[in-house]
Amino acid sequence: MPGSAAGGYTVTATITVGTDPYGVAVDPVAGTVYVTNQGDNTVSVINAATGTVTATIGVGANPDGVAADPVAGTVYVTYAADGTVSVINAATGTVTATIGVGSAPDGLAVDPVAGTAYVTNVIDDTVSVINAATSTVTATIGVGTDPYGVAVDPVAGTAYVTNIIDDTVSVIDTATGTVTATIGVGTDPYGVAVDPDAGTVYVTNQGDNTVSVIDTATGTVTATIGVGTYPDGVAVDPDAGTVYVANYGDDTVSVINAVTQTVTATIGVGGSPSAVAVDPATHTVYVASRGDDTSVPSGGDGAVSVISATRTPTALTAHIGRSPHRSLTLTATLTASGRPLSGQPISFTAGHTHLCTRHTGTRGIATCVLTAAQARQAARHHGVIQATYPGNTTYQPSSATATPST
């Protein structure tokens, strides 16, 4: 079972943003989070490391969806009221272009590999394709009735669009710009997210409080999972094997184990959560809540809840010894709650020089026998060796040092 699905979760911070936040997006490369605030026509920029709002960008009226392109360093924002999309330069925090699309644009998805952005136009029943380099619409694709959500699989070259009136998902071949399949899902499908590694698509069905799981290889629904009331946004953390669903109707987030396709946790966040995004680098979850007097510190404004998986502390000890052949041998023992952890990577370094990485065995011990050259490198740093365990979504990181005297 993925570690984060097996453990607990905690809301580690609540960050006040603008009024009536609607969408949220993460740039894992820059370590920033973007939130559209419909009530005051702004985008809040959050520093993921500090959990603070570092900038507030004035944009158009009633901003809706938001998506970040970490490769191009841009952020896209939709405006249903006037049928446009803003392009924000992430480095300067300024709007550099305004692009006309269809009627009532809402959902956004970026393909950073192809350098394109996809926008759902609710009234037109179309999807606009934007060229990131030129900030122009290069194609308009007809889909189902009232398309809202869109997600892109850059590996397979496909895009998935939820059609809320048809109770379907349109599958677009991004190379040809054509709809290649239409898949029936639950009632009133809205949010959509793709797990490219597992070949699955998750769709929130607001009308029946479920999530449909689509197998991308067969184009069929392989599971239907009951979640909270009025599920809205959905996000996938592929490495952790978890899926997060923002339930607008009951102020919760459902956590789905991607392997077992079951809900393993329900997290209370308050404030009518409408959107959710995951930072795959840190496995941190960001949930935009539209605001109420009980869950949001400022009362009137909205907030972003920061959720992290609860991780078990670890302990690491290191030792320098000699093998029977007189070679210098490094060992490290990793435990959690007093029990050995097997199959975990331990890195051994001398100063800034990496010596080796070994995995722990059944007794939690990792062993590295140094070559003569590596032993000389260690001697340059007075023989001090650093052993480091990076941690994962289940266990906290830890480190230890060893010297020749020990």
Protein backbone atom coordinates (compact mmCIF):
# COMPACT_ATOMS: atom_id res chain seq x y z
CA MET A 1 0.00 0.00 0.00
CA PRO A 2 1.35 3.47 -0.78
CA GLY A 3 2.73 5.05 2.35
CA SER A 4 0.55 8.15 2.34
CA ALA A 5 -2.57 6.05 1.87
CA ALA A 6 -1.68 3.90 4.88
CA GLY A 7 -0.86 6.77 7.24
CA GLY A 8 -2.84 9.61 8.71
CA TYR A 9 -3.13 13.19 7.52
CA THR A 10 -2.94 16.55 9.21
CA VAL A 11 -3.87 20.08 8.17
CA THR A 12 -0.53 21.74 8.84
CA ALA A 13 -1.51 25.29 7.88
CA THR A 14 -4.41 27.49 6.84
CA ILE A 15 -3.35 30.36 4.59
CA THR A 16 -5.66 33.33 4.13
CA VAL A 17 -5.92 34.42 0.50
CA GLY A 18 -8.38 36.65 -1.35
CA THR A 19 -12.17 36.68 -1.35
CA ASP A 20 -14.05 33.69 -2.74
CA PRO A 21 -11.14 31.57 -4.05
CA TYR A 22 -12.10 29.31 -6.94
CA GLY A 23 -9.08 27.56 -8.44
CA VAL A 24 -5.66 26.41 -7.24
CA ALA A 25 -2.55 25.28 -9.11
CA VAL A 26 1.00 24.26 -8.15
CA ASP A 27 4.31 24.97 -9.87
CA PRO A 28 6.55 22.26 -8.35
CA VAL A 29 9.68 23.60 -10.05
CA ALA A 30 9.40 27.13 -8.63
CA GLY A 31 7.77 25.97 -5.39
CA THR A 32 4.78 28.27 -5.73
CA VAL A 33 1.02 27.91 -5.47
CA TYR A 34 -1.49 30.08 -7.37
CA VAL A 35 -5.06 30.78 -6.23
CA THR A 36 -7.74 32.65 -8.20
CA ASN A 37 -9.95 34.87 -6.04
CA GLN A 38 -13.28 35.61 -7.73
CA GLY A 39 -14.47 38.08 -5.11
CA ASP A 40 -11.65 40.61 -5.50
CA ASN A 41 -10.31 39.87 -9.00
CA THR A 42 -6.85 38.76 -7.89
CA VAL A 43 -4.46 35.82 -7.94
CA SER A 44 -2.67 35.01 -4.69
CA VAL A 45 0.88 33.65 -4.98
CA ILE A 46 1.96 31.37 -2.12
CA ASN A 47 5.54 30.40 -1.33
CA ALA A 48 5.25 26.65 -0.72
CA ALA A 49 8.32 26.53 1.53
CA THR A 50 7.16 29.24 3.94
CA GLY A 51 3.39 28.91 3.53
CA THR A 52 2.98 32.66 3.09
CA VAL A 53 1.37 34.81 0.41
CA THR A 54 4.26 36.59 -1.31
CA ALA A 55 2.30 38.47 -3.98
CA THR A 56 -1.23 39.43 -4.99
CA ILE A 57 -1.68 39.95 -8.72
CA GLY A 58 -4.55 42.03 -10.05
CA VAL A 59 -6.27 40.29 -12.95
CA GLY A 60 -9.58 40.47 -14.80
CA ALA A 61 -13.11 40.25 -13.44
CA ASN A 62 -14.17 37.03 -11.70
CA PRO A 63 -11.14 34.80 -12.39
CA ASP A 64 -12.03 31.11 -12.60
CA GLY A 65 -9.65 28.31 -13.49
CA VAL A 66 -5.88 28.45 -13.11
CA ALA A 67 -3.01 26.30 -14.38
CA ALA A 68 0.78 26.66 -14.19
CA ASP A 69 3.33 25.77 -16.85
CA PRO A 70 6.57 25.06 -14.94
CA VAL A 71 8.60 24.72 -18.14
CA ALA A 72 7.60 28.06 -19.67
CA GLY A 73 7.30 29.85 -16.32
CA THR A 74 3.77 31.03 -17.03
CA VAL A 75 0.36 30.86 -15.37
CA TYR A 76 -2.99 30.78 -17.19
CA VAL A 77 -6.26 32.17 -15.76
CA THR A 78 -9.75 31.86 -17.31
CA TYR A 79 -12.60 34.41 -17.17
CA ALA A 80 -16.07 33.06 -17.87
CA ALA A 81 -17.59 36.55 -17.91
CA ASP A 82 -15.71 37.86 -20.94
CA GLY A 83 -14.43 34.76 -22.71
CA THR A 84 -10.72 35.37 -22.23
CA VAL A 85 -7.59 33.81 -20.75
CA SER A 86 -4.80 35.78 -19.08
CA VAL A 87 -1.15 34.75 -19.30
CA ILE A 88 0.95 35.68 -16.26
CA ASN A 89 4.74 35.79 -16.25
CA ALA A 90 5.60 33.89 -13.08
CA ALA A 91 8.94 35.65 -12.64
CA THR A 92 7.56 39.19 -12.78
CA GLY A 93 4.01 38.56 -11.57
CA THR A 94 2.53 40.56 -14.44
CA VAL A 95 -0.10 39.79 -17.06
CA THR A 96 1.71 39.58 -20.39
CA ALA A 97 -1.15 38.58 -22.69
CA THR A 98 -4.94 38.32 -22.88
CA ILE A 99 -6.28 35.68 -25.27
CA GLY A 100 -9.83 35.49 -26.58
CA VAL A 101 -11.26 31.97 -26.45
CA GLY A 102 -14.85 30.64 -26.45
CA SER A 103 -17.91 31.53 -24.36
CA ALA A 104 -17.68 31.00 -20.59
CA PRO A 105 -14.19 29.44 -20.34
CA ASP A 106 -13.67 27.57 -17.10
CA GLY A 107 -11.36 24.55 -16.92
CA LEU A 108 -7.64 24.72 -17.71
CA ALA A 109 -4.89 22.18 -18.28
CA VAL A 110 -1.31 22.58 -19.48
CA ASP A 111 0.81 20.21 -21.55
CA PRO A 112 4.34 21.45 -20.73
CA VAL A 113 5.91 18.89 -23.08
CA ALA A 114 4.01 20.08 -26.16
CA GLY A 115 3.87 23.71 -25.03
CA THR A 116 0.07 23.94 -25.15
CA ALA A 117 -2.82 24.84 -22.88
CA TYR A 118 -6.38 23.51 -23.08
CA VAL A 119 -9.44 25.58 -22.09
CA THR A 120 -13.02 24.33 -21.76
CA ASN A 121 -15.69 26.72 -23.08
CA VAL A 122 -18.91 25.84 -21.26
CA ILE A 123 -21.47 27.63 -23.45
CA ASP A 124 -19.78 26.85 -26.77
CA ASP A 125 -19.32 23.12 -26.01
CA THR A 126 -15.74 23.43 -27.23
CA VAL A 127 -12.13 23.26 -26.10
CA SER A 128 -9.65 25.96 -27.17
CA VAL A 129 -6.02 24.97 -27.71
CA ILE A 130 -3.45 27.68 -26.93
CA ASN A 131 0.10 27.73 -28.24
CA ALA A 132 2.26 28.71 -25.28
CA ALA A 133 5.01 30.26 -27.40
CA THR A 134 2.73 32.60 -29.36
CA SER A 135 -0.18 33.00 -26.89
CA THR A 136 -2.65 32.32 -29.70
CA VAL A 137 -5.51 29.87 -30.18
CA THR A 138 -4.41 27.29 -32.73
CA ALA A 139 -7.46 25.00 -32.65
CA THR A 140 -11.04 24.76 -31.41
CA ILE A 141 -12.35 21.26 -30.74
CA GLY A 142 -16.02 20.37 -30.36
CA VAL A 143 -16.80 18.15 -27.37
CA GLY A 144 -19.92 17.31 -25.33
CA THR A 145 -22.51 19.59 -23.72
CA ASP A 146 -21.30 22.01 -21.02
CA PRO A 147 -17.65 20.96 -20.72
CA TYR A 148 -16.10 21.98 -17.41
CA GLY A 149 -13.03 20.01 -16.37
CA VAL A 150 -10.01 19.14 -18.49
CA ALA A 151 -6.83 17.16 -17.80
CA VAL A 152 -3.90 16.25 -20.04
CA ASP A 153 -1.80 13.10 -20.22
CA PRO A 154 1.42 14.40 -21.86
CA VAL A 155 2.90 10.91 -22.05
CA ALA A 156 0.03 9.37 -24.02
CA GLY A 157 -0.81 12.56 -25.90
CA THR A 158 -4.44 12.69 -24.77
CA ALA A 159 -6.74 15.17 -23.05
CA TYR A 160 -9.87 14.32 -21.06
CA VAL A 161 -12.88 16.66 -20.83
CA THR A 162 -15.91 16.28 -18.53
CA ASN A 163 -19.30 17.09 -20.08
CA ILE A 164 -21.65 17.82 -17.20
CA ILE A 165 -24.95 17.66 -19.13
CA ASP A 166 -24.09 14.53 -21.13
CA ASP A 167 -22.64 12.59 -18.16
CA THR A 168 -19.67 11.78 -20.37
CA VAL A 169 -15.94 12.32 -20.80
CA SER A 170 -14.54 13.25 -24.21
CA VAL A 171 -11.10 11.85 -25.08
CA ILE A 172 -9.02 14.11 -27.34
CA ASP A 173 -5.99 13.04 -29.35
CA THR A 174 -3.75 16.05 -28.79
CA ALA A 175 -1.68 15.36 -31.94
CA THR A 176 -4.68 15.50 -34.28
CA GLY A 177 -7.01 17.67 -32.20
CA THR A 178 -9.90 15.21 -32.64
CA VAL A 179 -12.23 13.45 -30.21
CA THR A 180 -11.40 9.74 -30.41
CA ALA A 181 -13.79 8.41 -27.75
CA THR A 182 -16.71 9.38 -25.52
CA ILE A 183 -16.96 7.55 -22.19
CA GLY A 184 -20.07 7.44 -20.01
CA VAL A 185 -19.42 8.15 -16.33
CA GLY A 186 -21.56 9.19 -13.33
CA THR A 187 -24.11 11.98 -12.98
CA ASP A 188 -22.93 15.56 -13.55
CA PRO A 189 -19.19 14.93 -14.04
CA TYR A 190 -17.10 17.96 -13.16
CA GLY A 191 -13.47 17.60 -12.04
CA VAL A 192 -10.95 15.36 -13.80
CA ALA A 193 -7.34 14.31 -13.14
CA VAL A 194 -4.94 11.90 -14.85
CA ASP A 195 -2.41 9.46 -13.39
CA PRO A 196 -0.07 8.92 -16.37
CA ASP A 197 2.02 6.30 -14.54
CA ALA A 198 -0.92 4.05 -13.70
CA GLY A 199 -2.90 4.79 -16.86
CA THR A 200 -6.00 5.93 -14.99
CA VAL A 201 -8.31 8.96 -15.05
CA TYR A 202 -10.40 10.13 -12.07
CA VAL A 203 -13.69 11.99 -12.59
CA THR A 204 -15.79 13.60 -9.84
CA ASN A 205 -19.54 13.11 -10.31
CA GLN A 206 -21.39 15.86 -8.44
CA GLY A 207 -24.85 14.42 -9.02
CA ASP A 208 -24.24 11.09 -7.28
CA ASN A 209 -21.29 11.85 -4.95
CA THR A 210 -18.91 9.42 -6.63
CA VAL A 211 -15.62 9.26 -8.49
CA SER A 212 -15.39 7.28 -11.73
CA VAL A 213 -12.07 5.57 -12.49
CA ILE A 214 -11.28 5.19 -16.20
CA ASP A 215 -8.68 2.80 -17.60
CA THR A 216 -6.92 4.77 -20.32
CA ALA A 217 -5.92 1.64 -22.25
CA THR A 218 -9.48 0.34 -22.66
CA GLY A 219 -11.44 3.58 -22.29
CA THR A 220 -13.78 1.95 -19.79
CA VAL A 221 -14.88 2.75 -16.24
CA THR A 222 -13.25 0.15 -13.99
CA ALA A 223 -14.43 1.43 -10.60
CA THR A 224 -16.94 3.81 -9.03
CA ILE A 225 -15.94 5.13 -5.59
CA GLY A 226 -18.28 6.82 -3.13
CA VAL A 227 -16.82 10.03 -1.69
CA GLY A 228 -18.20 13.10 0.12
CA THR A 229 -21.07 15.38 -0.78
CA TYR A 230 -20.88 17.31 -4.06
CA PRO A 231 -17.32 16.38 -5.06
CA ASP A 232 -15.65 19.17 -7.01
CA GLY A 233 -11.91 19.32 -7.68
CA VAL A 234 -9.67 16.25 -7.88
CA ALA A 235 -5.88 15.83 -7.96
CA VAL A 236 -3.50 12.87 -8.23
CA ASP A 237 -0.15 12.28 -6.53
CA PRO A 238 1.27 9.50 -8.76
CA ASP A 239 4.39 8.69 -6.71
CA ALA A 240 2.42 8.39 -3.48
CA GLY A 241 -0.38 6.44 -5.14
CA THR A 242 -3.08 8.71 -3.77
CA VAL A 243 -5.98 10.75 -5.14
CA TYR A 244 -7.51 13.75 -3.38
CA VAL A 245 -11.12 14.91 -3.85
CA ALA A 246 -12.47 18.24 -2.58
CA ASN A 247 -16.07 17.75 -1.38
CA TYR A 248 -17.79 21.13 -1.64
CA GLY A 249 -20.97 20.03 0.09
CA ASP A 250 -19.57 18.68 3.37
CA ASP A 251 -16.30 20.61 3.82
CA THR A 252 -14.03 17.58 3.50
CA VAL A 253 -11.32 16.04 1.35
CA SER A 254 -11.55 12.34 0.48
CA VAL A 255 -8.27 10.43 0.10
CA ILE A 256 -8.37 7.52 -2.33
CA ASN A 257 -5.79 4.72 -2.43
CA ALA A 258 -4.98 4.38 -6.13
CA VAL A 259 -4.07 0.70 -5.77
CA THR A 260 -7.14 -0.54 -3.91
CA GLN A 261 -9.49 2.17 -5.27
CA THR A 262 -10.93 2.76 -1.81
CA VAL A 263 -11.29 5.84 0.40
CA THR A 264 -8.70 5.54 3.16
CA ALA A 265 -9.19 8.89 4.91
CA THR A 266 -11.60 11.82 5.12
CA ILE A 267 -10.08 15.14 6.15
CA GLY A 268 -12.13 18.05 7.44
CA VAL A 269 -11.06 21.39 5.97
CA GLY A 270 -14.15 23.61 6.21
CA GLY A 271 -15.09 26.57 4.07
CA SER A 272 -16.70 24.78 1.09
CA PRO A 273 -13.58 23.42 -0.66
CA SER A 274 -13.80 23.87 -4.43
CA ALA A 275 -10.38 22.95 -5.79
CA VAL A 276 -7.38 20.81 -4.86
CA ALA A 277 -3.81 20.56 -6.16
CA VAL A 278 -0.79 18.44 -5.24
CA ASP A 279 2.91 19.29 -5.22
CA PRO A 280 4.47 16.02 -6.46
CA ALA A 281 7.89 17.04 -5.18
CA THR A 282 6.81 17.30 -1.53
CA HIS A 283 3.50 15.36 -1.63
CA THR A 284 1.84 18.39 -0.07
CA VAL A 285 -1.84 19.01 -0.84
CA TYR A 286 -3.41 22.46 -1.27
CA VAL A 287 -7.18 22.92 -0.96
CA ALA A 288 -8.93 26.18 -1.86
CA SER A 289 -11.93 26.88 0.40
CA ARG A 290 -14.37 29.60 -0.53
CA GLY A 291 -14.79 30.75 3.05
CA ASP A 292 -17.05 30.75 6.08
CA ASP A 293 -16.89 32.27 9.53
CA THR A 294 -15.82 29.07 11.27
CA SER A 295 -12.96 27.77 9.12
CA VAL A 296 -11.31 30.89 7.77
CA PRO A 297 -9.32 33.10 10.16
CA SER A 298 -10.39 36.38 8.57
CA GLY A 299 -14.06 35.45 8.43
CA GLY A 300 -14.85 37.02 5.08
CA ASP A 301 -11.91 35.93 2.97
CA GLY A 302 -11.18 32.49 1.61
CA ALA A 303 -8.31 30.25 2.57
CA VAL A 304 -6.02 27.49 1.38
CA SER A 305 -5.66 24.46 3.63
CA VAL A 306 -2.28 22.74 3.52
CA ILE A 307 -2.46 18.98 4.10
CA SER A 308 0.48 16.65 4.72
CA ALA A 309 0.66 12.96 5.38
CA THR A 310 1.65 12.12 8.95
CA ARG A 311 5.08 10.50 8.81
CA THR A 312 6.67 8.18 11.38
CA PRO A 313 9.95 9.40 12.93
CA THR A 314 13.06 7.34 12.18
CA ALA A 315 16.39 6.82 13.93
CA LEU A 316 19.70 6.23 12.15
CA THR A 317 23.04 5.16 13.60
CA ALA A 318 26.34 4.88 11.69
CA HIS A 319 29.57 2.96 12.28
CA ILE A 320 33.01 2.70 10.65
CA GLY A 321 34.77 -0.67 10.83
CA ARG A 322 37.08 -3.05 9.02
CA SER A 323 36.16 -6.06 6.92
CA PRO A 324 38.10 -9.35 7.26
CA HIS A 325 40.16 -8.20 4.30
CA ARG A 326 41.00 -4.94 6.10
CA SER A 327 38.78 -2.84 3.83
CA LEU A 328 37.07 0.16 5.36
CA THR A 329 33.40 -0.74 5.94
CA LEU A 330 30.55 1.65 6.62
CA THR A 331 27.33 0.48 8.23
CA ALA A 332 24.13 2.28 9.13
CA THR A 333 21.12 0.95 11.03
CA LEU A 334 17.66 2.42 10.38
CA THR A 335 14.74 1.95 12.76
CA ALA A 336 11.25 3.36 13.25
CA SER A 337 9.49 2.98 16.61
CA GLY A 338 12.33 0.69 17.63
CA ARG A 339 11.84 -1.71 14.71
CA PRO A 340 14.23 -2.15 11.77
CA LEU A 341 13.21 -0.74 8.38
CA SER A 342 14.17 -2.85 5.39
CA GLY A 343 14.52 -1.88 1.73
CA GLN A 344 15.27 1.80 2.44
CA PRO A 345 18.09 3.76 0.71
CA ILE A 346 20.98 5.07 2.83
CA SER A 347 23.53 7.44 1.29
CA PHE A 348 27.08 7.65 2.66
CA THR A 349 29.09 10.83 2.08
CA ALA A 350 32.41 12.36 3.10
CA GLY A 351 32.07 16.12 3.05
CA HIS A 352 30.35 16.90 -0.25
CA THR A 353 31.57 13.69 -1.89
CA HIS A 354 29.06 10.90 -2.38
CA LEU A 355 30.63 7.55 -1.58
CA CYS A 356 27.80 5.07 -2.13
CA THR A 357 24.10 4.37 -1.61
CA ARG A 358 22.94 1.04 -0.21
CA HIS A 359 19.52 -0.32 0.80
CA THR A 360 18.82 -1.68 4.25
CA GLY A 361 18.34 -5.42 4.73
CA THR A 362 15.85 -7.25 6.90
CA ARG A 363 17.61 -6.08 10.07
CA GLY A 364 17.57 -2.47 8.91
CA ILE A 365 21.30 -2.43 8.18
CA ALA A 366 22.94 -0.94 5.08
CA THR A 367 26.60 -1.78 4.41
CA CYS A 368 29.11 -0.12 2.10
CA VAL A 369 32.68 -1.36 1.60
CA LEU A 370 34.91 1.48 0.44
CA THR A 371 37.55 1.24 -2.23
CA ALA A 372 41.05 2.50 -1.49
CA ALA A 373 40.31 5.72 -3.39
CA GLN A 374 37.11 6.28 -1.42
CA ALA A 375 38.95 5.64 1.86
CA ARG A 376 41.51 8.29 0.93
CA GLN A 377 38.67 10.68 0.13
CA ALA A 378 37.18 10.05 3.57
CA ALA A 379 40.56 10.63 5.19
CA ARG A 380 40.68 14.11 3.67
CA HIS A 381 37.62 14.90 5.80
CA HIS A 382 39.23 13.46 8.96
CA GLY A 383 37.43 10.18 8.40
CA VAL A 384 34.02 11.66 9.25
CA ILE A 385 31.24 9.86 7.39
CA GLN A 386 27.66 11.10 7.03
CA ALA A 387 24.84 8.57 6.62
CA THR A 388 21.54 10.00 5.34
CA TYR A 389 18.06 8.55 4.95
CA PRO A 390 15.88 10.80 2.70
CA GLY A 391 12.55 9.61 4.08
CA ASN A 392 9.37 9.13 2.07
CA THR A 393 5.64 9.69 2.42
CA THR A 394 5.50 7.26 5.38
CA TYR A 395 8.76 7.88 7.24
CA GLN A 396 10.58 11.05 8.23
CA PRO A 397 14.18 11.59 7.09
CA SER A 398 17.10 11.10 9.46
CA SER A 399 20.89 11.22 9.48
CA ALA A 400 23.92 10.22 11.55
CA THR A 401 27.68 10.68 11.52
CA ALA A 402 30.50 8.25 12.27
CA THR A 403 34.17 8.91 12.99
CA PRO A 404 37.16 6.55 13.07
CA SER A 405 37.09 6.52 16.87
CA THR A 406 33.61 4.97 16.82
